Every structure is written in structure tokens, then in C-alpha cells.
Amino acid sequence: MLSKLHSRLGTAGFIVAIVALIAAVAGTAFAATGLNSKQKKEVKSIAKSVAGTGAPGPAGPAGPAGPAGAAGPKGDTGVAGKDGTGVTTAAANLAECAAGGVKINSASGATKVCNGEEGPAGQTGFTETLPPGQTETGTWILPTTAKSPNETESFVSFSFPIPLAEKLPVNHSHFIDPNGEEIIVNLDLGEFESVPSTACVGNVAEPSAIDGHLCVYSKNFSFVSTAQSNFINPETFTRAVNGSATALTGALLAFEVAADASPRSSGTWAMTSCPEAGCTP
């Protein structure tokens, strides 16, 4: 093939073609010595015509990692931040706190801490008597040691944590048996009987009472006659047939049992004070 090209181009043309081919393959320009201006133009023309026509060769393997570069220069110092807002306090004026107080100022805003208002002279923070219509509750138990072998009565006392302002009438104290019914005295028959209660609608777990009533709820009985339980006035220790069934500070409940029995019972109670108009029999 080269001989045919040589015969067609002649010696000078052949040299020019070879030079152009080398320039195209190497991708570099260089000065060819010994060529006249016409030959130089031919070399450039041939190089342009063959440059880039061949497929690129395969990529060579990656070279080894170079050494780490030198550390860059230190950056400029940042702008200093602003000082934060501290917490300050000041006395509150009367418009802010009627009884005096302190204002606390912080970044989140101002807060007032006011003093409590002074109550009437001689009055404490505790109520002296149970306010009208308010309820207090408690638990009770009748242990097996509540009586001696020859006695026929056992007693359970109920102390009110907050005293009453008014004693309860006799018909305002109620005993609820384990079945949820109230035990009352049937005056016509002269005996006890169980009836649904209108004053005590709660239960042992949630004792309650309407205004001006004491409700005693029983959970269980053992050797106790529920038909013969009744309230005794703790101040006079007499059956509450007339007058008051309770004192201002508590009540007393009696159980009649067999002489040789060991009574055992327990439950809860609820006491709701009389309304402002007072309790009526």
C-alpha cells in the first residue's frame, strides 16, 4: 500500500503525507524543517483531514494518588455575636398586682408573680366547718374484736374530718346493706325492712349523699344482723329516735349480734352538709 502511495505522490509528496499523518496522530503541531511553504500547507491540510477520524484508545489505568496538598490559609475571624438578654426583676405596681408582687423580664417576655390577697383578720386558710352542699367521705370497719363474748352490740364510729355547721336530723342518716338497699324501720309492722334509697344513690366504691344526709355503705357482713343496725347520738349515747342522729364532729352506728358471734364488716361513707337554707327533718 505504501508503495502505491509513493508512486502516486512522488518522493516529496510522500514525505509530506507521512509528516501530516504523524501530526494528526500525535495531535500536536510542530515545525517541519526542510519543507517549502507549499509543502507546509499540504501537511496542514492533510493533518486536518485525518485528525479525529480514528476511535479513541482505551483509558489507561489510574495513576497513584498524589501527595496531600499543603494546608490552605486560615480563614477570616467571624463577626462576634450579640450579647443575650438577661433575666431582670422589678416590683409590680398596684395595677399589675393588687397585693404587690414581682415582674420578671426575660427574652421570652414579661411575667407577673403576684402576692396572695390577705384574708380577714383572724381567719386561717382552713375552713372551720364543711361549706353548704359540700361532701366529705371516709371508710369504716367493724373488726371481730369490737365486742366481748357476752355482749350483744358492736359499735362503729365515724369522725368527720371537717366538722358540720349543723347537726343532722334523725331521718337524715342512712345505712345501705351489701345489696345496695337502705334498712329502715317499718313503724306499722314494728320491724326493719330493706327499701331502695333516694338519699344514697352511690355505692361502696363511689360513696355519695344528697345535701344534708349521711350515707353509710356496707361491703360485707359476717355474723351481723343487718336488720338491726341503727344510729346512736354520740353526745347522748341514746337511740336516735328523735332529735339529731349525729354530732357536729361525727356519728355512731350500732349493730346487734348474737352473744357468741364474732362480728365483722366494713365499707365507706359519705357526708354532705346541709344547704344554705339549713336541714329540715
C-alpha atoms as a PDB file:
ATOM      1  CA  MET A   1       0.000   0.000   0.000  1.00  0.00           C
ATOM      2  CA  LEU A   2       2.801   2.398   0.839  1.00  0.00           C
ATOM      3  CA  SER A   3       4.492   1.689  -2.488  1.00  0.00           C
ATOM      4  CA  LYS A   4       1.365   2.625  -4.402  1.00  0.00           C
ATOM      5  CA  LEU A   5       1.058   5.827  -2.385  1.00  0.00           C
ATOM      6  CA  HIS A   6       4.737   6.601  -3.013  1.00  0.00           C
ATOM      7  CA  SER A   7       4.364   6.067  -6.747  1.00  0.00           C
ATOM      8  CA  ARG A   8       1.344   8.355  -6.886  1.00  0.00           C
ATOM      9  CA  LEU A   9       2.730  11.196  -4.764  1.00  0.00           C
ATOM     10  CA  GLY A  10       6.364  11.049  -5.600  1.00  0.00           C
ATOM     11  CA  THR A  11       9.156  11.277  -3.078  1.00  0.00           C
ATOM     12  CA  ALA A  12       8.415  14.813  -1.937  1.00  0.00           C
ATOM     13  CA  GLY A  13       4.665  14.285  -1.736  1.00  0.00           C
ATOM     14  CA  PHE A  14       5.129  11.024   0.074  1.00  0.00           C
ATOM     15  CA  ILE A  15       7.241  12.734   2.725  1.00  0.00           C
ATOM     16  CA  VAL A  16       4.651  15.453   3.119  1.00  0.00           C
ATOM     17  CA  ALA A  17       1.892  12.877   3.597  1.00  0.00           C
ATOM     18  CA  ILE A  18       3.915  10.972   6.211  1.00  0.00           C
ATOM     19  CA  VAL A  19       4.594  14.175   8.127  1.00  0.00           C
ATOM     20  CA  ALA A  20       0.871  15.116   8.027  1.00  0.00           C
ATOM     21  CA  LEU A  21      -0.118  11.683   9.265  1.00  0.00           C
ATOM     22  CA  ILE A  22       2.270  11.873  12.217  1.00  0.00           C
ATOM     23  CA  ALA A  23       0.946  15.321  13.119  1.00  0.00           C
ATOM     24  CA  ALA A  24      -2.651  14.140  13.017  1.00  0.00           C
ATOM     25  CA  VAL A  25      -1.980  11.075  15.166  1.00  0.00           C
ATOM     26  CA  ALA A  26       0.088  12.945  17.729  1.00  0.00           C
ATOM     27  CA  GLY A  27      -2.405  15.782  17.859  1.00  0.00           C
ATOM     28  CA  THR A  28       0.395  18.284  18.053  1.00  0.00           C
ATOM     29  CA  ALA A  29       1.721  20.944  15.747  1.00  0.00           C
ATOM     30  CA  PHE A  30       5.381  21.173  15.063  1.00  0.00           C
ATOM     31  CA  ALA A  31       7.707  22.918  12.644  1.00  0.00           C
ATOM     32  CA  ALA A  32       8.821  20.664   9.829  1.00  0.00           C
ATOM     33  CA  THR A  33      12.259  21.611   8.633  1.00  0.00           C
ATOM     34  CA  GLY A  34      13.250  21.171   5.037  1.00  0.00           C
ATOM     35  CA  LEU A  35       9.732  21.878   3.667  1.00  0.00           C
ATOM     36  CA  ASN A  36       8.889  24.781   1.434  1.00  0.00           C
ATOM     37  CA  SER A  37       5.774  26.899   2.064  1.00  0.00           C
ATOM     38  CA  LYS A  38       3.659  24.900  -0.350  1.00  0.00           C
ATOM     39  CA  GLN A  39       4.622  21.634   1.326  1.00  0.00           C
ATOM     40  CA  LYS A  40       3.841  23.054   4.758  1.00  0.00           C
ATOM     41  CA  LYS A  41       0.338  23.994   3.566  1.00  0.00           C
ATOM     42  CA  GLU A  42      -0.167  20.487   2.247  1.00  0.00           C
ATOM     43  CA  VAL A  43       0.956  18.970   5.574  1.00  0.00           C
ATOM     44  CA  LYS A  44      -1.545  21.099   7.498  1.00  0.00           C
ATOM     45  CA  SER A  45      -4.349  20.238   5.071  1.00  0.00           C
ATOM     46  CA  ILE A  46      -3.685  16.517   5.261  1.00  0.00           C
ATOM     47  CA  ALA A  47      -3.403  16.632   9.078  1.00  0.00           C
ATOM     48  CA  LYS A  48      -6.785  18.359   9.376  1.00  0.00           C
ATOM     49  CA  SER A  49      -8.439  15.845   7.089  1.00  0.00           C
ATOM     50  CA  VAL A  50      -7.309  12.801   9.087  1.00  0.00           C
ATOM     51  CA  ALA A  51      -7.414  14.273  12.649  1.00  0.00           C
ATOM     52  CA  GLY A  52     -10.124  12.884  14.904  1.00  0.00           C
ATOM     53  CA  THR A  53     -11.284  10.191  12.467  1.00  0.00           C
ATOM     54  CA  GLY A  54      -9.908   7.311  14.476  1.00  0.00           C
ATOM     55  CA  ALA A  55     -11.623   5.814  17.577  1.00  0.00           C
ATOM     56  CA  PRO A  56     -10.052   6.819  20.910  1.00  0.00           C
ATOM     57  CA  GLY A  57      -7.919   4.230  22.532  1.00  0.00           C
ATOM     58  CA  PRO A  58      -8.828   2.580  25.850  1.00  0.00           C
ATOM     59  CA  ALA A  59      -8.308   4.569  29.046  1.00  0.00           C
ATOM     60  CA  GLY A  60      -5.164   3.770  30.853  1.00  0.00           C
ATOM     61  CA  PRO A  61      -5.072   2.612  34.496  1.00  0.00           C
ATOM     62  CA  ALA A  62      -5.423   5.228  37.192  1.00  0.00           C
ATOM     63  CA  GLY A  63      -2.215   6.587  38.421  1.00  0.00           C
ATOM     64  CA  PRO A  64      -1.200   6.506  42.103  1.00  0.00           C
ATOM     65  CA  ALA A  65      -2.658   9.111  44.435  1.00  0.00           C
ATOM     66  CA  GLY A  66      -0.649  12.234  44.633  1.00  0.00           C
ATOM     67  CA  PRO A  67       0.678  13.574  47.913  1.00  0.00           C
ATOM     68  CA  ALA A  68      -1.621  15.698  50.100  1.00  0.00           C
ATOM     69  CA  GLY A  69      -1.581  19.332  49.266  1.00  0.00           C
ATOM     70  CA  ALA A  70      -0.397  21.943  51.674  1.00  0.00           C
ATOM     71  CA  ALA A  71      -2.970  23.359  54.147  1.00  0.00           C
ATOM     72  CA  GLY A  72      -4.823  26.368  52.910  1.00  0.00           C
ATOM     73  CA  PRO A  73      -4.557  29.725  54.598  1.00  0.00           C
ATOM     74  CA  LYS A  74      -6.555  30.369  57.811  1.00  0.00           C
ATOM     75  CA  GLY A  75      -9.988  31.895  57.235  1.00  0.00           C
ATOM     76  CA  ASP A  76     -11.020  35.295  58.466  1.00  0.00           C
ATOM     77  CA  THR A  77     -12.386  35.655  62.028  1.00  0.00           C
ATOM     78  CA  GLY A  78     -16.209  35.664  62.124  1.00  0.00           C
ATOM     79  CA  VAL A  79     -18.310  38.541  63.382  1.00  0.00           C
ATOM     80  CA  ALA A  80     -18.831  38.473  67.169  1.00  0.00           C
ATOM     81  CA  GLY A  81     -22.401  37.574  68.291  1.00  0.00           C
ATOM     82  CA  LYS A  82     -24.620  39.933  70.226  1.00  0.00           C
ATOM     83  CA  ASP A  83     -24.939  39.638  73.994  1.00  0.00           C
ATOM     84  CA  GLY A  84     -28.026  37.724  75.178  1.00  0.00           C
ATOM     85  CA  THR A  85     -30.838  39.251  77.238  1.00  0.00           C
ATOM     86  CA  GLY A  86     -30.514  38.524  80.940  1.00  0.00           C
ATOM     87  CA  VAL A  87     -33.378  37.983  83.385  1.00  0.00           C
ATOM     88  CA  THR A  88     -34.294  41.014  85.458  1.00  0.00           C
ATOM     89  CA  THR A  89     -36.852  41.574  88.187  1.00  0.00           C
ATOM     90  CA  ALA A  90     -38.738  44.614  89.353  1.00  0.00           C
ATOM     91  CA  ALA A  91     -41.517  45.369  91.776  1.00  0.00           C
ATOM     92  CA  ALA A  92     -45.004  45.140  90.246  1.00  0.00           C
ATOM     93  CA  ASN A  93     -47.227  48.170  90.621  1.00  0.00           C
ATOM     94  CA  LEU A  94     -50.735  48.067  92.097  1.00  0.00           C
ATOM     95  CA  ALA A  95     -52.332  47.992  88.652  1.00  0.00           C
ATOM     96  CA  GLU A  96     -50.391  44.819  87.866  1.00  0.00           C
ATOM     97  CA  CYS A  97     -50.707  43.138  91.272  1.00  0.00           C
ATOM     98  CA  ALA A  98     -53.280  44.445  93.737  1.00  0.00           C
ATOM     99  CA  ALA A  99     -51.476  42.893  96.710  1.00  0.00           C
ATOM    100  CA  GLY A 100     -47.990  43.556  95.371  1.00  0.00           C
ATOM    101  CA  GLY A 101     -45.643  41.241  93.566  1.00  0.00           C
ATOM    102  CA  VAL A 102     -42.713  40.960  91.192  1.00  0.00           C
ATOM    103  CA  LYS A 103     -42.311  41.388  87.434  1.00  0.00           C
ATOM    104  CA  ILE A 104     -39.830  39.036  85.764  1.00  0.00           C
ATOM    105  CA  ASN A 105     -38.449  40.155  82.397  1.00  0.00           C
ATOM    106  CA  SER A 106     -36.618  37.797  80.038  1.00  0.00           C
ATOM    107  CA  ALA A 107     -36.042  37.252  76.332  1.00  0.00           C
ATOM    108  CA  SER A 108     -39.369  35.422  76.121  1.00  0.00           C
ATOM    109  CA  GLY A 109     -41.319  38.318  77.626  1.00  0.00           C
ATOM    110  CA  ALA A 110     -42.544  39.626  80.983  1.00  0.00           C
ATOM    111  CA  THR A 111     -44.237  37.550  83.678  1.00  0.00           C
ATOM    112  CA  LYS A 112     -46.009  38.753  86.820  1.00  0.00           C
ATOM    113  CA  VAL A 113     -45.846  36.918  90.127  1.00  0.00           C
ATOM    114  CA  CYS A 114     -48.483  38.429  92.401  1.00  0.00           C
ATOM    115  CA  ASN A 115     -48.845  38.027  96.147  1.00  0.00           C
ATOM    116  CA  GLY A 116     -51.994  36.444  97.524  1.00  0.00           C
ATOM    117  CA  GLU A 117     -54.576  38.773  98.939  1.00  0.00           C
ATOM    118  CA  GLU A 118     -54.704  38.960 102.704  1.00  0.00           C
ATOM    119  CA  GLY A 119     -57.816  37.441 104.244  1.00  0.00           C
ATOM    120  CA  PRO A 120     -59.885  38.891 107.103  1.00  0.00           C
ATOM    121  CA  ALA A 121     -58.119  39.221 110.427  1.00  0.00           C
ATOM    122  CA  GLY A 122     -58.142  36.045 112.475  1.00  0.00           C
ATOM    123  CA  GLN A 123     -59.173  33.809 109.549  1.00  0.00           C
ATOM    124  CA  THR A 124     -56.946  30.903 108.545  1.00  0.00           C
ATOM    125  CA  GLY A 125     -56.659  29.188 105.190  1.00  0.00           C
ATOM    126  CA  PHE A 126     -58.645  26.203 106.521  1.00  0.00           C
ATOM    127  CA  THR A 127     -62.411  26.102 106.620  1.00  0.00           C
ATOM    128  CA  GLU A 128     -63.827  25.760 110.129  1.00  0.00           C
ATOM    129  CA  THR A 129     -66.937  23.887 109.004  1.00  0.00           C
ATOM    130  CA  LEU A 130     -67.945  21.958 105.896  1.00  0.00           C
ATOM    131  CA  PRO A 131     -69.342  24.517 103.393  1.00  0.00           C
ATOM    132  CA  PRO A 132     -73.024  24.129 102.404  1.00  0.00           C
ATOM    133  CA  GLY A 133     -73.609  21.325  99.919  1.00  0.00           C
ATOM    134  CA  GLN A 134     -70.028  20.004 100.112  1.00  0.00           C
ATOM    135  CA  THR A 135     -69.248  16.293 100.623  1.00  0.00           C
ATOM    136  CA  GLU A 136     -66.605  14.528 102.661  1.00  0.00           C
ATOM    137  CA  THR A 137     -66.028  10.762 102.595  1.00  0.00           C
ATOM    138  CA  GLY A 138     -64.279   8.055 104.567  1.00  0.00           C
ATOM    139  CA  THR A 139     -64.042   4.355 105.361  1.00  0.00           C
ATOM    140  CA  TRP A 140     -65.200   2.283 108.321  1.00  0.00           C
ATOM    141  CA  ILE A 141     -64.624  -1.186 109.729  1.00  0.00           C
ATOM    142  CA  LEU A 142     -66.266  -3.363 112.353  1.00  0.00           C
ATOM    143  CA  PRO A 143     -63.490  -5.732 113.499  1.00  0.00           C
ATOM    144  CA  THR A 144     -64.001  -9.100 115.152  1.00  0.00           C
ATOM    145  CA  THR A 145     -62.710  -7.600 118.416  1.00  0.00           C
ATOM    146  CA  ALA A 146     -65.491  -4.990 118.518  1.00  0.00           C
ATOM    147  CA  LYS A 147     -67.277  -6.734 121.425  1.00  0.00           C
ATOM    148  CA  SER A 148     -66.718  -9.199 124.251  1.00  0.00           C
ATOM    149  CA  PRO A 149     -68.276 -12.721 124.076  1.00  0.00           C
ATOM    150  CA  ASN A 150     -71.266 -11.826 126.286  1.00  0.00           C
ATOM    151  CA  GLU A 151     -72.156  -8.521 124.627  1.00  0.00           C
ATOM    152  CA  THR A 152     -74.911  -8.232 122.034  1.00  0.00           C
ATOM    153  CA  GLU A 153     -73.886  -4.903 120.496  1.00  0.00           C
ATOM    154  CA  SER A 154     -70.913  -3.715 118.457  1.00  0.00           C
ATOM    155  CA  PHE A 155     -70.231  -0.096 117.531  1.00  0.00           C
ATOM    156  CA  VAL A 156     -68.661   1.775 114.642  1.00  0.00           C
ATOM    157  CA  SER A 157     -67.780   5.462 114.939  1.00  0.00           C
ATOM    158  CA  PHE A 158     -67.495   7.992 112.096  1.00  0.00           C
ATOM    159  CA  SER A 159     -65.368  11.078 112.687  1.00  0.00           C
ATOM    160  CA  PHE A 160     -65.893  13.924 110.231  1.00  0.00           C
ATOM    161  CA  PRO A 161     -62.534  15.434 109.145  1.00  0.00           C
ATOM    162  CA  ILE A 162     -64.294  18.799 108.740  1.00  0.00           C
ATOM    163  CA  PRO A 163     -66.971  19.497 111.378  1.00  0.00           C
ATOM    164  CA  LEU A 164     -70.548  20.237 110.338  1.00  0.00           C
ATOM    165  CA  ALA A 165     -72.132  23.632 110.804  1.00  0.00           C
ATOM    166  CA  GLU A 166     -75.441  21.945 111.699  1.00  0.00           C
ATOM    167  CA  LYS A 167     -76.360  18.559 113.186  1.00  0.00           C
ATOM    168  CA  LEU A 168     -78.336  16.162 111.010  1.00  0.00           C
ATOM    169  CA  PRO A 169     -81.923  15.233 111.873  1.00  0.00           C
ATOM    170  CA  VAL A 170     -82.508  11.585 112.788  1.00  0.00           C
ATOM    171  CA  ASN A 171     -84.096  10.691 109.459  1.00  0.00           C
ATOM    172  CA  HIS A 172     -81.095  12.075 107.562  1.00  0.00           C
ATOM    173  CA  SER A 173     -78.751   9.179 108.457  1.00  0.00           C
ATOM    174  CA  HIS A 174     -78.904   6.032 106.348  1.00  0.00           C
ATOM    175  CA  PHE A 175     -77.396   2.549 106.377  1.00  0.00           C
ATOM    176  CA  ILE A 176     -77.067   0.773 102.994  1.00  0.00           C
ATOM    177  CA  ASP A 177     -76.756  -3.019 103.052  1.00  0.00           C
ATOM    178  CA  PRO A 178     -74.438  -5.021 100.744  1.00  0.00           C
ATOM    179  CA  ASN A 179     -77.297  -5.349  98.235  1.00  0.00           C
ATOM    180  CA  GLY A 180     -77.492  -1.565  97.828  1.00  0.00           C
ATOM    181  CA  GLU A 181     -80.791  -1.116  99.714  1.00  0.00           C
ATOM    182  CA  GLU A 182     -81.474   1.066 102.736  1.00  0.00           C
ATOM    183  CA  ILE A 183     -82.513  -0.553 106.011  1.00  0.00           C
ATOM    184  CA  ILE A 184     -85.386   1.326 107.667  1.00  0.00           C
ATOM    185  CA  VAL A 185     -87.871   0.732 110.467  1.00  0.00           C
ATOM    186  CA  ASN A 186     -91.398  -0.050 109.332  1.00  0.00           C
ATOM    187  CA  LEU A 187     -93.390   1.652 112.097  1.00  0.00           C
ATOM    188  CA  ASP A 188     -96.625  -0.059 111.054  1.00  0.00           C
ATOM    189  CA  LEU A 189     -95.103  -3.527 111.327  1.00  0.00           C
ATOM    190  CA  GLY A 190     -92.633  -2.655 114.051  1.00  0.00           C
ATOM    191  CA  GLU A 191     -89.733  -4.282 112.229  1.00  0.00           C
ATOM    192  CA  PHE A 192     -86.824  -3.492 109.922  1.00  0.00           C
ATOM    193  CA  GLU A 193     -87.016  -3.805 106.149  1.00  0.00           C
ATOM    194  CA  SER A 194     -84.876  -3.050 103.088  1.00  0.00           C
ATOM    195  CA  VAL A 195     -86.057  -0.472 100.550  1.00  0.00           C
ATOM    196  CA  PRO A 196     -84.423   1.458  97.657  1.00  0.00           C
ATOM    197  CA  SER A 197     -82.729   4.629  98.910  1.00  0.00           C
ATOM    198  CA  THR A 198     -83.462   8.063  97.486  1.00  0.00           C
ATOM    199  CA  ALA A 199     -80.777   9.849  99.511  1.00  0.00           C
ATOM    200  CA  CYS A 200     -77.933   7.394  98.915  1.00  0.00           C
ATOM    201  CA  VAL A 201     -77.525   6.608  95.234  1.00  0.00           C
ATOM    202  CA  GLY A 202     -73.810   5.783  95.318  1.00  0.00           C
ATOM    203  CA  ASN A 203     -72.057   2.568  96.259  1.00  0.00           C
ATOM    204  CA  VAL A 204     -69.093   1.326  98.276  1.00  0.00           C
ATOM    205  CA  ALA A 205     -66.631   2.221  95.521  1.00  0.00           C
ATOM    206  CA  GLU A 206     -68.136   5.698  94.959  1.00  0.00           C
ATOM    207  CA  PRO A 207     -69.967   6.805  98.116  1.00  0.00           C
ATOM    208  CA  SER A 208     -72.273   9.798  97.802  1.00  0.00           C
ATOM    209  CA  ALA A 209     -75.106  11.545  99.654  1.00  0.00           C
ATOM    210  CA  ILE A 210     -77.584  14.269  98.816  1.00  0.00           C
ATOM    211  CA  ASP A 211     -77.460  17.595 100.694  1.00  0.00           C
ATOM    212  CA  GLY A 212     -77.807  17.267 104.457  1.00  0.00           C
ATOM    213  CA  HIS A 213     -77.536  13.455 104.603  1.00  0.00           C
ATOM    214  CA  LEU A 214     -75.116  10.812 105.893  1.00  0.00           C
ATOM    215  CA  CYS A 215     -74.919   7.572 103.890  1.00  0.00           C
ATOM    216  CA  VAL A 216     -73.092   4.535 105.257  1.00  0.00           C
ATOM    217  CA  TYR A 217     -72.375   1.856 102.637  1.00  0.00           C
ATOM    218  CA  SER A 218     -71.519  -1.709 103.699  1.00  0.00           C
ATOM    219  CA  LYS A 219     -69.372  -4.081 101.669  1.00  0.00           C
ATOM    220  CA  ASN A 220     -69.784  -7.318 103.613  1.00  0.00           C
ATOM    221  CA  PHE A 221     -71.180  -8.821 106.783  1.00  0.00           C
ATOM    222  CA  SER A 222     -70.183 -11.750 108.909  1.00  0.00           C
ATOM    223  CA  PHE A 223     -72.314 -12.711 111.904  1.00  0.00           C
ATOM    224  CA  VAL A 224     -74.029  -9.330 111.849  1.00  0.00           C
ATOM    225  CA  SER A 225     -77.778  -8.786 111.733  1.00  0.00           C
ATOM    226  CA  THR A 226     -78.237  -6.084 109.070  1.00  0.00           C
ATOM    227  CA  ALA A 227     -81.875  -5.756 110.078  1.00  0.00           C
ATOM    228  CA  GLN A 228     -80.891  -4.400 113.466  1.00  0.00           C
ATOM    229  CA  SER A 229     -78.311  -1.725 112.684  1.00  0.00           C
ATOM    230  CA  ASN A 230     -79.157   1.796 113.791  1.00  0.00           C
ATOM    231  CA  PHE A 231     -77.622   5.167 114.602  1.00  0.00           C
ATOM    232  CA  ILE A 232     -76.900   6.420 118.111  1.00  0.00           C
ATOM    233  CA  ASN A 233     -76.404  10.033 119.071  1.00  0.00           C
ATOM    234  CA  PRO A 234     -72.721  10.110 120.157  1.00  0.00           C
ATOM    235  CA  GLU A 235     -73.344  13.026 122.537  1.00  0.00           C
ATOM    236  CA  THR A 236     -76.129  11.333 124.490  1.00  0.00           C
ATOM    237  CA  PHE A 237     -75.411   7.686 123.583  1.00  0.00           C
ATOM    238  CA  THR A 238     -79.103   7.077 123.020  1.00  0.00           C
ATOM    239  CA  ARG A 239     -81.036   5.704 120.069  1.00  0.00           C
ATOM    240  CA  ALA A 240     -81.669   8.473 117.550  1.00  0.00           C
ATOM    241  CA  VAL A 241     -85.441   8.193 117.624  1.00  0.00           C
ATOM    242  CA  ASN A 242     -85.948  11.931 117.821  1.00  0.00           C
ATOM    243  CA  GLY A 243     -83.705  14.941 117.505  1.00  0.00           C
ATOM    244  CA  SER A 244     -80.262  14.567 115.965  1.00  0.00           C
ATOM    245  CA  ALA A 245     -78.630  11.375 114.749  1.00  0.00           C
ATOM    246  CA  THR A 246     -75.168  12.906 114.600  1.00  0.00           C
ATOM    247  CA  ALA A 247     -72.930  15.332 116.415  1.00  0.00           C
ATOM    248  CA  LEU A 248     -71.132  18.122 114.609  1.00  0.00           C
ATOM    249  CA  THR A 249     -67.941  16.085 114.588  1.00  0.00           C
ATOM    250  CA  GLY A 250     -69.170  12.563 113.881  1.00  0.00           C
ATOM    251  CA  ALA A 251     -71.721   9.792 114.229  1.00  0.00           C
ATOM    252  CA  LEU A 252     -72.085   6.369 115.867  1.00  0.00           C
ATOM    253  CA  LEU A 253     -73.647   3.207 114.427  1.00  0.00           C
ATOM    254  CA  ALA A 254     -74.675   0.184 116.488  1.00  0.00           C
ATOM    255  CA  PHE A 255     -75.008  -3.436 115.337  1.00  0.00           C
ATOM    256  CA  GLU A 256     -76.888  -6.063 117.317  1.00  0.00           C
ATOM    257  CA  VAL A 257     -75.340  -9.506 117.037  1.00  0.00           C
ATOM    258  CA  ALA A 258     -75.573 -12.853 118.796  1.00  0.00           C
ATOM    259  CA  ALA A 259     -73.744 -13.074 122.106  1.00  0.00           C
ATOM    260  CA  ASP A 260     -71.418 -15.847 120.932  1.00  0.00           C
ATOM    261  CA  ALA A 261     -70.777 -14.406 117.438  1.00  0.00           C
ATOM    262  CA  SER A 262     -67.723 -12.530 116.197  1.00  0.00           C
ATOM    263  CA  PRO A 263     -68.966  -9.631 114.034  1.00  0.00           C
ATOM    264  CA  ARG A 264     -67.028  -8.430 111.031  1.00  0.00           C
ATOM    265  CA  SER A 265     -67.998  -5.800 108.467  1.00  0.00           C
ATOM    266  CA  SER A 266     -66.566  -2.851 106.532  1.00  0.00           C
ATOM    267  CA  GLY A 267     -67.455  -0.194 103.984  1.00  0.00           C
ATOM    268  CA  THR A 268     -67.387   3.509 103.153  1.00  0.00           C
ATOM    269  CA  TRP A 269     -69.432   6.587 103.994  1.00  0.00           C
ATOM    270  CA  ALA A 270     -70.327   9.977 102.531  1.00  0.00           C
ATOM    271  CA  MET A 271     -71.441  13.076 104.407  1.00  0.00           C
ATOM    272  CA  THR A 272     -72.888  16.074 102.549  1.00  0.00           C
ATOM    273  CA  SER A 273     -73.507  19.194 104.630  1.00  0.00           C
ATOM    274  CA  CYS A 274     -76.849  20.950 104.805  1.00  0.00           C
ATOM    275  CA  PRO A 275     -77.683  23.544 102.151  1.00  0.00           C
ATOM    276  CA  GLU A 276     -77.551  27.242 102.984  1.00  0.00           C
ATOM    277  CA  ALA A 277     -81.235  27.146 103.921  1.00  0.00           C
ATOM    278  CA  GLY A 278     -80.448  24.504 106.552  1.00  0.00           C
ATOM    279  CA  CYS A 279     -81.578  20.929 107.107  1.00  0.00           C
ATOM    280  CA  THR A 280     -85.227  20.216 107.815  1.00  0.00           C
ATOM    281  CA  PRO A 281     -86.469  16.981 109.395  1.00  0.00           C
END
